[in-house]
Amino acid sequence: MWQVWVFLAPLCPICQDYTYYLNALHEQWSAAEDPQVELVGWFPNPTVTDEAIAEFADRYAVEWEMARDTVGWSEAVGARFTPEAALVSPDGEVVYRGRVNDL
């Protein structure tokens, strides 16, 4: 399955604003008869807690997967900003990295 990884920060106003757009994408993709794209939110800042992520998800009605980036996915794909997106193919190849609204 294709994945869209979005790198986020809970206190970033731009991330907060984009969450509504991302929620709409998630609804569109998951409503498909045979979903082909999964949305995942990563929080790369090591000081972000699970509680902060849960509060962010609750405040912005997020129903897609979100987690702390303890593996270093942001570094692996070269993400340097929040929000920033990466489109990852089913075989793990990053085919896009950049602005969320250019997906």
N, C-alpha and C. Protein backbone atom coordinates (compact mmCIF):
# COMPACT_ATOMS: atom_id res chain seq x y z
N MET A 1 0.84 -1.18 0.00
CA MET A 1 0.00 0.00 0.00
C MET A 1 0.89 1.25 0.00
N TRP A 2 0.49 2.23 -0.76
CA TRP A 2 1.17 3.52 -0.75
C TRP A 2 0.93 4.19 0.59
N GLN A 3 1.91 4.95 1.04
CA GLN A 3 1.76 5.71 2.27
C GLN A 3 2.16 7.16 2.04
N VAL A 4 1.41 8.06 2.65
CA VAL A 4 1.80 9.46 2.71
C VAL A 4 2.22 9.71 4.15
N TRP A 5 3.49 10.04 4.32
CA TRP A 5 4.01 10.39 5.63
C TRP A 5 4.01 11.91 5.73
N VAL A 6 3.46 12.42 6.81
CA VAL A 6 3.48 13.86 7.05
C VAL A 6 4.21 14.10 8.36
N PHE A 7 5.21 14.94 8.31
CA PHE A 7 6.01 15.26 9.49
C PHE A 7 5.43 16.52 10.12
N LEU A 8 5.10 16.39 11.41
CA LEU A 8 4.32 17.41 12.10
C LEU A 8 4.96 17.84 13.41
N ALA A 9 4.49 18.96 13.92
CA ALA A 9 4.86 19.45 15.25
C ALA A 9 3.57 19.96 15.89
N PRO A 10 3.26 19.53 17.11
CA PRO A 10 1.96 19.85 17.69
C PRO A 10 1.72 21.34 17.93
N LEU A 11 2.77 22.13 18.13
CA LEU A 11 2.60 23.56 18.40
C LEU A 11 2.76 24.43 17.16
N CYS A 12 3.00 23.81 16.02
CA CYS A 12 3.19 24.56 14.77
C CYS A 12 1.83 24.97 14.21
N PRO A 13 1.58 26.29 14.09
CA PRO A 13 0.28 26.72 13.57
C PRO A 13 0.02 26.27 12.13
N ILE A 14 1.06 26.13 11.34
CA ILE A 14 0.86 25.66 9.96
C ILE A 14 0.44 24.19 9.97
N CYS A 15 1.07 23.39 10.82
CA CYS A 15 0.66 21.99 10.96
C CYS A 15 -0.79 21.90 11.42
N GLN A 16 -1.14 22.73 12.38
CA GLN A 16 -2.51 22.74 12.89
C GLN A 16 -3.50 23.06 11.77
N ASP A 17 -3.20 24.07 10.97
CA ASP A 17 -4.08 24.45 9.87
C ASP A 17 -4.19 23.36 8.81
N TYR A 18 -3.08 22.72 8.48
CA TYR A 18 -3.08 21.67 7.45
C TYR A 18 -3.81 20.42 7.90
N THR A 19 -4.01 20.26 9.19
CA THR A 19 -4.67 19.06 9.68
C THR A 19 -6.06 18.90 9.08
N TYR A 20 -6.78 19.99 8.87
CA TYR A 20 -8.11 19.90 8.27
C TYR A 20 -8.03 19.36 6.84
N TYR A 21 -7.05 19.82 6.08
CA TYR A 21 -6.83 19.33 4.72
C TYR A 21 -6.44 17.85 4.75
N LEU A 22 -5.56 17.49 5.67
CA LEU A 22 -5.12 16.10 5.79
C LEU A 22 -6.28 15.20 6.20
N ASN A 23 -7.13 15.68 7.09
CA ASN A 23 -8.32 14.90 7.47
C ASN A 23 -9.20 14.63 6.25
N ALA A 24 -9.36 15.63 5.40
CA ALA A 24 -10.17 15.46 4.19
C ALA A 24 -9.53 14.43 3.24
N LEU A 25 -8.21 14.49 3.09
CA LEU A 25 -7.52 13.49 2.26
C LEU A 25 -7.71 12.10 2.84
N HIS A 26 -7.55 11.97 4.14
CA HIS A 26 -7.73 10.66 4.79
C HIS A 26 -9.15 10.13 4.54
N GLU A 27 -10.14 10.98 4.69
CA GLU A 27 -11.52 10.56 4.46
C GLU A 27 -11.71 10.09 3.02
N GLN A 28 -11.16 10.83 2.08
CA GLN A 28 -11.29 10.47 0.66
C GLN A 28 -10.59 9.14 0.39
N TRP A 29 -9.36 9.00 0.85
CA TRP A 29 -8.60 7.78 0.57
C TRP A 29 -9.19 6.56 1.27
N SER A 30 -9.62 6.70 2.51
CA SER A 30 -10.12 5.55 3.25
C SER A 30 -11.54 5.16 2.83
N ALA A 31 -12.27 6.07 2.18
CA ALA A 31 -13.62 5.77 1.72
C ALA A 31 -13.63 4.97 0.43
N ALA A 32 -12.50 4.86 -0.22
CA ALA A 32 -12.42 4.10 -1.47
C ALA A 32 -12.78 2.64 -1.21
N GLU A 33 -13.35 2.01 -2.21
CA GLU A 33 -13.74 0.60 -2.08
C GLU A 33 -12.53 -0.28 -1.76
N ASP A 34 -11.42 0.03 -2.37
CA ASP A 34 -10.17 -0.69 -2.13
C ASP A 34 -9.08 0.36 -1.86
N PRO A 35 -8.97 0.83 -0.62
CA PRO A 35 -8.01 1.91 -0.31
C PRO A 35 -6.59 1.56 -0.75
N GLN A 36 -5.95 2.51 -1.41
CA GLN A 36 -4.59 2.31 -1.91
C GLN A 36 -3.56 3.20 -1.22
N VAL A 37 -4.03 4.16 -0.40
CA VAL A 37 -3.13 5.11 0.24
C VAL A 37 -3.47 5.20 1.72
N GLU A 38 -2.43 5.15 2.52
CA GLU A 38 -2.57 5.30 3.97
C GLU A 38 -1.84 6.56 4.41
N LEU A 39 -2.44 7.33 5.28
CA LEU A 39 -1.85 8.55 5.79
C LEU A 39 -1.27 8.29 7.18
N VAL A 40 -0.01 8.70 7.38
CA VAL A 40 0.66 8.52 8.67
C VAL A 40 1.31 9.84 9.07
N GLY A 41 1.04 10.28 10.28
CA GLY A 41 1.67 11.48 10.81
C GLY A 41 2.82 11.12 11.73
N TRP A 42 3.98 11.69 11.46
CA TRP A 42 5.17 11.45 12.28
C TRP A 42 5.55 12.75 12.99
N PHE A 43 5.91 12.64 14.24
CA PHE A 43 6.38 13.77 15.04
C PHE A 43 7.86 13.57 15.32
N PRO A 44 8.74 14.24 14.56
CA PRO A 44 10.18 13.97 14.65
C PRO A 44 10.88 14.58 15.87
N ASN A 45 10.29 15.58 16.50
CA ASN A 45 10.94 16.21 17.64
C ASN A 45 10.94 15.25 18.83
N PRO A 46 12.13 14.89 19.35
CA PRO A 46 12.19 13.89 20.43
C PRO A 46 11.55 14.35 21.74
N THR A 47 11.27 15.63 21.88
CA THR A 47 10.64 16.11 23.12
C THR A 47 9.12 15.99 23.10
N VAL A 48 8.55 15.66 21.95
CA VAL A 48 7.10 15.51 21.85
C VAL A 48 6.69 14.20 22.52
N THR A 49 5.72 14.28 23.40
CA THR A 49 5.27 13.10 24.14
C THR A 49 4.07 12.45 23.46
N ASP A 50 3.81 11.21 23.85
CA ASP A 50 2.62 10.53 23.35
C ASP A 50 1.35 11.28 23.76
N GLU A 51 1.38 11.87 24.95
CA GLU A 51 0.24 12.65 25.43
C GLU A 51 0.00 13.87 24.54
N ALA A 52 1.07 14.54 24.14
CA ALA A 52 0.94 15.71 23.26
C ALA A 52 0.35 15.31 21.90
N ILE A 53 0.77 14.15 21.40
CA ILE A 53 0.23 13.66 20.13
C ILE A 53 -1.26 13.33 20.28
N ALA A 54 -1.62 12.69 21.39
CA ALA A 54 -3.02 12.35 21.63
C ALA A 54 -3.87 13.61 21.75
N GLU A 55 -3.36 14.64 22.42
CA GLU A 55 -4.08 15.91 22.53
C GLU A 55 -4.25 16.57 21.16
N PHE A 56 -3.19 16.53 20.35
CA PHE A 56 -3.25 17.08 18.99
C PHE A 56 -4.32 16.35 18.18
N ALA A 57 -4.29 15.01 18.25
CA ALA A 57 -5.26 14.21 17.50
C ALA A 57 -6.68 14.50 17.96
N ASP A 58 -6.87 14.65 19.25
CA ASP A 58 -8.20 14.94 19.78
C ASP A 58 -8.67 16.34 19.38
N ARG A 59 -7.80 17.32 19.52
CA ARG A 59 -8.16 18.71 19.22
C ARG A 59 -8.54 18.89 17.74
N TYR A 60 -7.84 18.17 16.85
CA TYR A 60 -8.06 18.35 15.41
C TYR A 60 -8.80 17.18 14.77
N ALA A 61 -9.44 16.35 15.59
CA ALA A 61 -10.29 15.24 15.12
C ALA A 61 -9.57 14.33 14.13
N VAL A 62 -8.33 14.00 14.43
CA VAL A 62 -7.52 13.15 13.56
C VAL A 62 -7.91 11.69 13.78
N GLU A 63 -8.19 10.99 12.68
CA GLU A 63 -8.54 9.58 12.74
C GLU A 63 -7.54 8.71 12.00
N TRP A 64 -6.40 9.29 11.63
CA TRP A 64 -5.36 8.53 10.96
C TRP A 64 -4.20 8.33 11.93
N GLU A 65 -3.34 7.40 11.59
CA GLU A 65 -2.25 7.01 12.48
C GLU A 65 -1.27 8.17 12.70
N MET A 66 -0.88 8.34 13.96
CA MET A 66 0.12 9.35 14.33
C MET A 66 1.03 8.73 15.38
N ALA A 67 2.33 9.07 15.30
CA ALA A 67 3.28 8.50 16.26
C ALA A 67 4.54 9.35 16.34
N ARG A 68 5.28 9.16 17.42
CA ARG A 68 6.59 9.79 17.53
C ARG A 68 7.52 9.11 16.53
N ASP A 69 8.38 9.87 15.92
CA ASP A 69 9.35 9.33 14.95
C ASP A 69 10.59 8.88 15.70
N THR A 70 10.49 7.74 16.36
CA THR A 70 11.62 7.21 17.12
C THR A 70 12.61 6.46 16.25
N VAL A 71 12.22 6.16 15.02
CA VAL A 71 13.09 5.41 14.09
C VAL A 71 14.00 6.34 13.31
N GLY A 72 13.55 7.57 13.08
CA GLY A 72 14.32 8.52 12.29
C GLY A 72 13.87 8.60 10.85
N TRP A 73 12.56 8.40 10.61
CA TRP A 73 12.04 8.46 9.24
C TRP A 73 12.25 9.84 8.63
N SER A 74 12.13 10.88 9.44
CA SER A 74 12.31 12.23 8.89
C SER A 74 13.71 12.41 8.32
N GLU A 75 14.71 11.90 9.02
CA GLU A 75 16.08 11.97 8.50
C GLU A 75 16.25 11.08 7.28
N ALA A 76 15.64 9.91 7.32
CA ALA A 76 15.78 8.96 6.22
C ALA A 76 15.25 9.53 4.90
N VAL A 77 14.16 10.30 4.97
CA VAL A 77 13.60 10.86 3.74
C VAL A 77 14.08 12.28 3.47
N GLY A 78 14.83 12.85 4.40
CA GLY A 78 15.36 14.20 4.21
C GLY A 78 14.40 15.31 4.55
N ALA A 79 13.39 15.01 5.35
CA ALA A 79 12.43 16.05 5.75
C ALA A 79 13.11 17.00 6.73
N ARG A 80 12.97 18.30 6.45
CA ARG A 80 13.63 19.30 7.30
C ARG A 80 12.66 20.29 7.91
N PHE A 81 11.41 20.27 7.49
CA PHE A 81 10.44 21.26 7.95
C PHE A 81 9.18 20.56 8.43
N THR A 82 8.37 21.29 9.17
CA THR A 82 7.02 20.82 9.48
C THR A 82 6.06 21.92 9.06
N PRO A 83 4.99 21.56 8.40
CA PRO A 83 4.71 20.23 7.89
C PRO A 83 5.47 19.96 6.59
N GLU A 84 5.83 18.73 6.41
CA GLU A 84 6.45 18.27 5.16
C GLU A 84 5.92 16.87 4.89
N ALA A 85 5.75 16.54 3.63
CA ALA A 85 5.15 15.26 3.25
C ALA A 85 6.13 14.43 2.44
N ALA A 86 5.94 13.12 2.52
CA ALA A 86 6.67 12.18 1.67
C ALA A 86 5.69 11.13 1.19
N LEU A 87 5.76 10.80 -0.08
CA LEU A 87 4.96 9.73 -0.66
C LEU A 87 5.86 8.52 -0.80
N VAL A 88 5.47 7.43 -0.13
CA VAL A 88 6.29 6.23 -0.08
C VAL A 88 5.56 5.11 -0.81
N SER A 89 6.25 4.51 -1.78
CA SER A 89 5.65 3.44 -2.58
C SER A 89 5.54 2.16 -1.75
N PRO A 90 4.76 1.18 -2.24
CA PRO A 90 4.63 -0.07 -1.51
C PRO A 90 5.96 -0.80 -1.28
N ASP A 91 6.95 -0.56 -2.14
CA ASP A 91 8.25 -1.21 -1.94
C ASP A 91 9.22 -0.35 -1.12
N GLY A 92 8.73 0.76 -0.54
CA GLY A 92 9.53 1.57 0.35
C GLY A 92 10.30 2.71 -0.29
N GLU A 93 10.10 2.94 -1.58
CA GLU A 93 10.82 4.02 -2.26
C GLU A 93 10.09 5.35 -2.05
N VAL A 94 10.85 6.37 -1.68
CA VAL A 94 10.28 7.71 -1.52
C VAL A 94 10.23 8.34 -2.91
N VAL A 95 9.02 8.55 -3.42
CA VAL A 95 8.86 9.08 -4.77
C VAL A 95 8.53 10.57 -4.77
N TYR A 96 8.23 11.11 -3.61
CA TYR A 96 7.98 12.55 -3.48
C TYR A 96 8.31 12.97 -2.06
N ARG A 97 8.91 14.16 -1.93
CA ARG A 97 9.12 14.79 -0.63
C ARG A 97 8.99 16.28 -0.82
N GLY A 98 8.15 16.90 -0.03
CA GLY A 98 7.98 18.34 -0.17
C GLY A 98 6.73 18.84 0.50
N ARG A 99 6.16 19.86 -0.11
CA ARG A 99 5.00 20.53 0.46
C ARG A 99 3.78 19.62 0.49
N VAL A 100 3.00 19.75 1.54
CA VAL A 100 1.79 18.94 1.69
C VAL A 100 0.82 19.19 0.55
N ASN A 101 0.61 20.45 0.18
CA ASN A 101 -0.40 20.74 -0.84
C ASN A 101 0.08 20.47 -2.26
N ASP A 102 1.28 19.92 -2.43
CA ASP A 102 1.75 19.50 -3.75
C ASP A 102 1.64 17.99 -3.95
N LEU A 103 0.99 17.31 -3.00
CA LEU A 103 0.84 15.85 -3.12
C LEU A 103 0.02 15.51 -4.35
